[in-house]
Amino acid sequence: MAVSKFGVLITLIFCTALIAAAFLNLLPVEVVYLYITISTITFAMYAFDKSAARKGKWRVPETRLHLLSLLGGWPGAYLAQRRLRHKSAKVSFKRVYWATVTLNSFAFIWLFSEQGQHFINAILR
């Protein structure tokens, strides 16, 4: 399977699982809102960086883009890489990006554990 098809599949599976978990009351809807918000911010940062790169201006540090992905913005980052064709060819960047996807996915799965549920409840109180 090509990397782009793999990425689309992973992103679709994750987004479906996220929405289904909220719909089935396995996770609070606020978690969905958080992912949407961070993904939107991440997409905007990629767009800003792409524009800055074209104009030769100050760029968004790659570490900041990776941090946003790690915090849950990776679906927005993936969409930006595909739609804006930005940061989609640099192999070292893509390796770190997929590591952030993996780590965030593990954190998402952890939210379903007893400890994860306590964590969510403590934050939302």
N, C-alpha and C. Protein backbone atom coordinates (compact mmCIF):
# COMPACT_ATOMS: atom_id res chain seq x y z
N MET A 1 0.85 -1.18 0.00
CA MET A 1 0.00 0.00 0.00
C MET A 1 0.89 1.24 0.00
N ALA A 2 0.61 2.17 -0.87
CA ALA A 2 1.38 3.40 -0.94
C ALA A 2 1.22 4.20 0.35
N VAL A 3 2.25 4.99 0.65
CA VAL A 3 2.23 5.77 1.89
C VAL A 3 1.02 6.69 1.95
N SER A 4 0.68 7.35 0.83
CA SER A 4 -0.45 8.28 0.88
C SER A 4 -1.76 7.55 1.15
N LYS A 5 -1.94 6.36 0.56
CA LYS A 5 -3.15 5.59 0.83
C LYS A 5 -3.16 5.11 2.28
N PHE A 6 -2.01 4.73 2.79
CA PHE A 6 -1.90 4.32 4.19
C PHE A 6 -2.27 5.49 5.10
N GLY A 7 -1.77 6.66 4.80
CA GLY A 7 -2.07 7.85 5.60
C GLY A 7 -3.55 8.19 5.59
N VAL A 8 -4.16 8.11 4.42
CA VAL A 8 -5.60 8.37 4.32
C VAL A 8 -6.36 7.36 5.16
N LEU A 9 -5.99 6.09 5.04
CA LEU A 9 -6.66 5.03 5.79
C LEU A 9 -6.54 5.24 7.29
N ILE A 10 -5.33 5.52 7.77
CA ILE A 10 -5.10 5.74 9.20
C ILE A 10 -5.92 6.94 9.69
N THR A 11 -5.90 8.01 8.93
CA THR A 11 -6.63 9.22 9.32
C THR A 11 -8.14 8.96 9.37
N LEU A 12 -8.66 8.27 8.37
CA LEU A 12 -10.09 7.96 8.35
C LEU A 12 -10.49 7.03 9.50
N ILE A 13 -9.67 6.02 9.76
CA ILE A 13 -9.97 5.11 10.87
C ILE A 13 -9.97 5.87 12.19
N PHE A 14 -8.96 6.72 12.39
CA PHE A 14 -8.86 7.47 13.64
C PHE A 14 -10.06 8.40 13.81
N CYS A 15 -10.38 9.17 12.78
CA CYS A 15 -11.49 10.13 12.88
C CYS A 15 -12.82 9.41 13.11
N THR A 16 -13.00 8.27 12.46
CA THR A 16 -14.21 7.47 12.66
C THR A 16 -14.28 6.96 14.10
N ALA A 17 -13.15 6.46 14.61
CA ALA A 17 -13.11 5.97 15.99
C ALA A 17 -13.38 7.10 16.98
N LEU A 18 -12.82 8.26 16.73
CA LEU A 18 -13.01 9.42 17.61
C LEU A 18 -14.49 9.81 17.67
N ILE A 19 -15.10 9.94 16.53
CA ILE A 19 -16.52 10.34 16.49
C ILE A 19 -17.41 9.25 17.07
N ALA A 20 -17.11 7.99 16.75
CA ALA A 20 -17.91 6.88 17.28
C ALA A 20 -17.80 6.81 18.80
N ALA A 21 -16.60 7.02 19.33
CA ALA A 21 -16.41 6.98 20.78
C ALA A 21 -17.23 8.06 21.47
N ALA A 22 -17.29 9.23 20.88
CA ALA A 22 -18.11 10.30 21.47
C ALA A 22 -19.59 9.98 21.32
N PHE A 23 -19.99 9.49 20.16
CA PHE A 23 -21.39 9.16 19.90
C PHE A 23 -21.88 8.06 20.86
N LEU A 24 -21.01 7.11 21.16
CA LEU A 24 -21.37 6.00 22.06
C LEU A 24 -21.12 6.33 23.53
N ASN A 25 -20.78 7.59 23.81
CA ASN A 25 -20.51 8.06 25.18
C ASN A 25 -19.34 7.32 25.83
N LEU A 26 -18.39 6.89 25.02
CA LEU A 26 -17.18 6.28 25.57
C LEU A 26 -16.14 7.35 25.88
N LEU A 27 -16.26 8.48 25.22
CA LEU A 27 -15.42 9.65 25.47
C LEU A 27 -16.31 10.89 25.44
N PRO A 28 -15.98 11.89 26.25
CA PRO A 28 -16.75 13.14 26.20
C PRO A 28 -16.58 13.82 24.84
N VAL A 29 -17.61 14.50 24.39
CA VAL A 29 -17.57 15.19 23.11
C VAL A 29 -16.48 16.28 23.11
N GLU A 30 -16.10 16.74 24.29
CA GLU A 30 -15.03 17.74 24.38
C GLU A 30 -13.72 17.23 23.80
N VAL A 31 -13.50 15.92 23.86
CA VAL A 31 -12.29 15.35 23.27
C VAL A 31 -12.33 15.53 21.75
N VAL A 32 -13.49 15.34 21.15
CA VAL A 32 -13.64 15.57 19.71
C VAL A 32 -13.38 17.04 19.40
N TYR A 33 -13.96 17.94 20.20
CA TYR A 33 -13.75 19.37 19.99
C TYR A 33 -12.26 19.73 20.09
N LEU A 34 -11.58 19.11 21.04
CA LEU A 34 -10.15 19.36 21.21
C LEU A 34 -9.37 18.95 19.96
N TYR A 35 -9.64 17.76 19.45
CA TYR A 35 -8.95 17.30 18.24
C TYR A 35 -9.26 18.22 17.05
N ILE A 36 -10.51 18.63 16.91
CA ILE A 36 -10.88 19.52 15.81
C ILE A 36 -10.16 20.86 15.93
N THR A 37 -10.14 21.40 17.14
CA THR A 37 -9.49 22.70 17.38
C THR A 37 -8.00 22.63 17.10
N ILE A 38 -7.33 21.63 17.67
CA ILE A 38 -5.88 21.53 17.48
C ILE A 38 -5.55 21.22 16.02
N SER A 39 -6.37 20.40 15.37
CA SER A 39 -6.13 20.10 13.95
C SER A 39 -6.30 21.35 13.09
N THR A 40 -7.27 22.18 13.42
CA THR A 40 -7.49 23.42 12.67
C THR A 40 -6.31 24.37 12.86
N ILE A 41 -5.85 24.50 14.09
CA ILE A 41 -4.68 25.34 14.38
C ILE A 41 -3.46 24.81 13.64
N THR A 42 -3.29 23.50 13.65
CA THR A 42 -2.14 22.89 12.99
C THR A 42 -2.19 23.13 11.48
N PHE A 43 -3.35 22.94 10.88
CA PHE A 43 -3.50 23.21 9.45
C PHE A 43 -3.13 24.67 9.16
N ALA A 44 -3.61 25.59 9.99
CA ALA A 44 -3.32 27.01 9.79
C ALA A 44 -1.83 27.29 9.91
N MET A 45 -1.16 26.62 10.83
CA MET A 45 0.29 26.81 10.99
C MET A 45 1.05 26.30 9.76
N TYR A 46 0.62 25.19 9.21
CA TYR A 46 1.23 24.68 7.97
C TYR A 46 1.01 25.68 6.83
N ALA A 47 -0.20 26.23 6.73
CA ALA A 47 -0.51 27.20 5.68
C ALA A 47 0.34 28.46 5.85
N PHE A 48 0.48 28.92 7.09
CA PHE A 48 1.31 30.09 7.37
C PHE A 48 2.75 29.80 6.98
N ASP A 49 3.26 28.62 7.35
CA ASP A 49 4.64 28.26 7.04
C ASP A 49 4.86 28.15 5.53
N LYS A 50 3.90 27.59 4.83
CA LYS A 50 4.01 27.47 3.36
C LYS A 50 4.08 28.87 2.74
N SER A 51 3.23 29.77 3.20
CA SER A 51 3.24 31.13 2.70
C SER A 51 4.56 31.83 3.01
N ALA A 52 5.04 31.65 4.23
CA ALA A 52 6.32 32.26 4.63
C ALA A 52 7.47 31.71 3.80
N ALA A 53 7.44 30.42 3.51
CA ALA A 53 8.50 29.80 2.71
C ALA A 53 8.52 30.42 1.31
N ARG A 54 7.37 30.64 0.73
CA ARG A 54 7.29 31.24 -0.61
C ARG A 54 7.81 32.67 -0.62
N LYS A 55 7.57 33.39 0.49
CA LYS A 55 7.95 34.80 0.56
C LYS A 55 9.34 35.02 1.15
N GLY A 56 9.99 33.93 1.60
CA GLY A 56 11.31 34.06 2.20
C GLY A 56 11.28 34.71 3.57
N LYS A 57 10.18 34.57 4.28
CA LYS A 57 10.03 35.19 5.61
C LYS A 57 10.25 34.17 6.71
N TRP A 58 10.06 34.63 7.96
CA TRP A 58 10.23 33.77 9.14
C TRP A 58 9.34 32.55 9.02
N ARG A 59 9.93 31.38 9.32
CA ARG A 59 9.22 30.11 9.19
C ARG A 59 8.83 29.57 10.55
N VAL A 60 7.81 28.75 10.56
CA VAL A 60 7.39 28.05 11.77
C VAL A 60 8.39 26.92 12.00
N PRO A 61 9.00 26.86 13.19
CA PRO A 61 9.96 25.77 13.45
C PRO A 61 9.29 24.40 13.31
N GLU A 62 10.02 23.46 12.73
CA GLU A 62 9.48 22.11 12.57
C GLU A 62 9.10 21.50 13.90
N THR A 63 9.85 21.82 14.95
CA THR A 63 9.52 21.26 16.27
C THR A 63 8.13 21.71 16.72
N ARG A 64 7.75 22.93 16.37
CA ARG A 64 6.42 23.42 16.73
C ARG A 64 5.34 22.67 15.96
N LEU A 65 5.58 22.42 14.69
CA LEU A 65 4.62 21.65 13.89
C LEU A 65 4.48 20.23 14.45
N HIS A 66 5.60 19.64 14.84
CA HIS A 66 5.56 18.29 15.42
C HIS A 66 4.86 18.29 16.77
N LEU A 67 5.08 19.31 17.58
CA LEU A 67 4.41 19.38 18.88
C LEU A 67 2.90 19.47 18.70
N LEU A 68 2.46 20.28 17.76
CA LEU A 68 1.02 20.37 17.49
C LEU A 68 0.46 19.02 17.04
N SER A 69 1.21 18.31 16.22
CA SER A 69 0.77 16.97 15.79
C SER A 69 0.68 16.03 16.98
N LEU A 70 1.67 16.07 17.83
CA LEU A 70 1.71 15.21 19.01
C LEU A 70 0.53 15.49 19.94
N LEU A 71 0.15 16.75 20.06
CA LEU A 71 -0.94 17.14 20.95
C LEU A 71 -2.33 16.84 20.38
N GLY A 72 -2.38 16.31 19.17
CA GLY A 72 -3.66 15.92 18.59
C GLY A 72 -3.97 16.58 17.26
N GLY A 73 -3.07 17.40 16.78
CA GLY A 73 -3.31 18.08 15.51
C GLY A 73 -2.85 17.32 14.28
N TRP A 74 -2.47 16.06 14.48
CA TRP A 74 -1.93 15.31 13.34
C TRP A 74 -2.93 15.11 12.20
N PRO A 75 -4.25 14.98 12.45
CA PRO A 75 -5.15 14.89 11.28
C PRO A 75 -5.11 16.18 10.44
N GLY A 76 -5.05 17.32 11.11
CA GLY A 76 -4.94 18.59 10.39
C GLY A 76 -3.61 18.72 9.68
N ALA A 77 -2.55 18.21 10.30
CA ALA A 77 -1.23 18.22 9.67
C ALA A 77 -1.23 17.35 8.42
N TYR A 78 -1.86 16.19 8.52
CA TYR A 78 -1.92 15.30 7.37
C TYR A 78 -2.69 15.95 6.22
N LEU A 79 -3.82 16.57 6.55
CA LEU A 79 -4.61 17.25 5.53
C LEU A 79 -3.80 18.38 4.90
N ALA A 80 -3.07 19.13 5.71
CA ALA A 80 -2.24 20.23 5.19
C ALA A 80 -1.14 19.70 4.28
N GLN A 81 -0.50 18.62 4.69
CA GLN A 81 0.56 18.04 3.85
C GLN A 81 0.00 17.62 2.50
N ARG A 82 -1.20 17.08 2.49
CA ARG A 82 -1.82 16.61 1.24
C ARG A 82 -2.35 17.78 0.40
N ARG A 83 -3.09 18.67 1.03
CA ARG A 83 -3.75 19.75 0.29
C ARG A 83 -2.80 20.88 -0.11
N LEU A 84 -1.89 21.22 0.80
CA LEU A 84 -0.98 22.33 0.54
C LEU A 84 0.33 21.88 -0.08
N ARG A 85 0.53 20.58 -0.12
CA ARG A 85 1.80 20.00 -0.59
C ARG A 85 2.97 20.63 0.15
N HIS A 86 2.85 20.65 1.44
CA HIS A 86 3.87 21.27 2.28
C HIS A 86 4.38 20.25 3.29
N LYS A 87 5.68 20.13 3.39
CA LYS A 87 6.34 19.20 4.30
C LYS A 87 5.99 17.75 3.95
N SER A 88 5.69 17.51 2.70
CA SER A 88 5.26 16.17 2.30
C SER A 88 6.37 15.36 1.63
N ALA A 89 7.50 15.98 1.34
CA ALA A 89 8.58 15.28 0.65
C ALA A 89 9.80 15.04 1.53
N LYS A 90 9.96 15.82 2.56
CA LYS A 90 11.15 15.73 3.42
C LYS A 90 11.06 14.49 4.30
N VAL A 91 11.91 13.51 4.03
CA VAL A 91 11.83 12.21 4.70
C VAL A 91 12.02 12.32 6.20
N SER A 92 12.99 13.11 6.65
CA SER A 92 13.24 13.22 8.09
C SER A 92 12.03 13.83 8.80
N PHE A 93 11.39 14.79 8.17
CA PHE A 93 10.19 15.41 8.75
C PHE A 93 9.07 14.38 8.84
N LYS A 94 8.88 13.62 7.77
CA LYS A 94 7.80 12.63 7.74
C LYS A 94 8.01 11.53 8.78
N ARG A 95 9.25 11.15 9.03
CA ARG A 95 9.51 10.13 10.06
C ARG A 95 9.07 10.63 11.43
N VAL A 96 9.44 11.85 11.76
CA VAL A 96 9.06 12.40 13.06
C VAL A 96 7.54 12.59 13.11
N TYR A 97 6.96 13.04 12.01
CA TYR A 97 5.51 13.22 11.95
C TYR A 97 4.80 11.90 12.27
N TRP A 98 5.20 10.81 11.62
CA TRP A 98 4.53 9.52 11.86
C TRP A 98 4.79 9.01 13.27
N ALA A 99 5.92 9.39 13.87
CA ALA A 99 6.15 9.05 15.28
C ALA A 99 5.15 9.80 16.16
N THR A 100 4.86 11.07 15.83
CA THR A 100 3.88 11.82 16.63
C THR A 100 2.49 11.23 16.47
N VAL A 101 2.17 10.76 15.27
CA VAL A 101 0.87 10.11 15.03
C VAL A 101 0.76 8.87 15.90
N THR A 102 1.82 8.08 15.92
CA THR A 102 1.83 6.84 16.71
C THR A 102 1.67 7.14 18.19
N LEU A 103 2.45 8.09 18.70
CA LEU A 103 2.38 8.43 20.13
C LEU A 103 1.01 9.00 20.50
N ASN A 104 0.48 9.87 19.66
CA ASN A 104 -0.84 10.43 19.96
C ASN A 104 -1.92 9.35 19.90
N SER A 105 -1.79 8.43 18.98
CA SER A 105 -2.77 7.33 18.89
C SER A 105 -2.73 6.45 20.13
N PHE A 106 -1.53 6.19 20.64
CA PHE A 106 -1.42 5.43 21.89
C PHE A 106 -2.07 6.20 23.04
N ALA A 107 -1.86 7.52 23.08
CA ALA A 107 -2.49 8.34 24.12
C ALA A 107 -4.01 8.30 23.99
N PHE A 108 -4.50 8.34 22.76
CA PHE A 108 -5.94 8.26 22.52
C PHE A 108 -6.49 6.93 23.02
N ILE A 109 -5.82 5.85 22.72
CA ILE A 109 -6.25 4.52 23.19
C ILE A 109 -6.21 4.48 24.72
N TRP A 110 -5.20 5.11 25.32
CA TRP A 110 -5.07 5.14 26.78
C TRP A 110 -6.28 5.82 27.42
N LEU A 111 -6.88 6.79 26.72
CA LEU A 111 -8.04 7.49 27.27
C LEU A 111 -9.19 6.54 27.60
N PHE A 112 -9.21 5.37 26.97
CA PHE A 112 -10.27 4.39 27.23
C PHE A 112 -9.98 3.53 28.46
N SER A 113 -8.75 3.62 28.98
CA SER A 113 -8.40 2.84 30.17
C SER A 113 -9.00 3.49 31.41
N GLU A 114 -8.96 2.77 32.51
CA GLU A 114 -9.48 3.31 33.77
C GLU A 114 -8.73 4.59 34.16
N GLN A 115 -7.39 4.55 34.03
CA GLN A 115 -6.59 5.73 34.36
C GLN A 115 -6.92 6.89 33.41
N GLY A 116 -7.11 6.57 32.14
CA GLY A 116 -7.45 7.61 31.17
C GLY A 116 -8.79 8.24 31.45
N GLN A 117 -9.76 7.43 31.86
CA GLN A 117 -11.08 7.96 32.21
C GLN A 117 -11.00 8.87 33.43
N HIS A 118 -10.19 8.48 34.42
CA HIS A 118 -9.99 9.33 35.60
C HIS A 118 -9.34 10.66 35.19
N PHE A 119 -8.37 10.58 34.29
CA PHE A 119 -7.69 11.77 33.80
C PHE A 119 -8.68 12.73 33.13
N ILE A 120 -9.50 12.19 32.24
CA ILE A 120 -10.50 13.02 31.55
C ILE A 120 -11.47 13.64 32.54
N ASN A 121 -11.96 12.84 33.47
CA ASN A 121 -12.91 13.35 34.46
C ASN A 121 -12.30 14.44 35.32
N ALA A 122 -11.03 14.29 35.67
CA ALA A 122 -10.35 15.31 36.49
C ALA A 122 -10.22 16.62 35.72
N ILE A 123 -9.95 16.54 34.43
CA ILE A 123 -9.78 17.75 33.62
C ILE A 123 -11.11 18.45 33.38
N LEU A 124 -12.16 17.67 33.16
CA LEU A 124 -13.45 18.26 32.80
C LEU A 124 -14.28 18.71 33.99
N ARG A 125 -13.81 18.48 35.18
CA ARG A 125 -14.56 18.93 36.37
C ARG A 125 -14.52 20.41 36.51
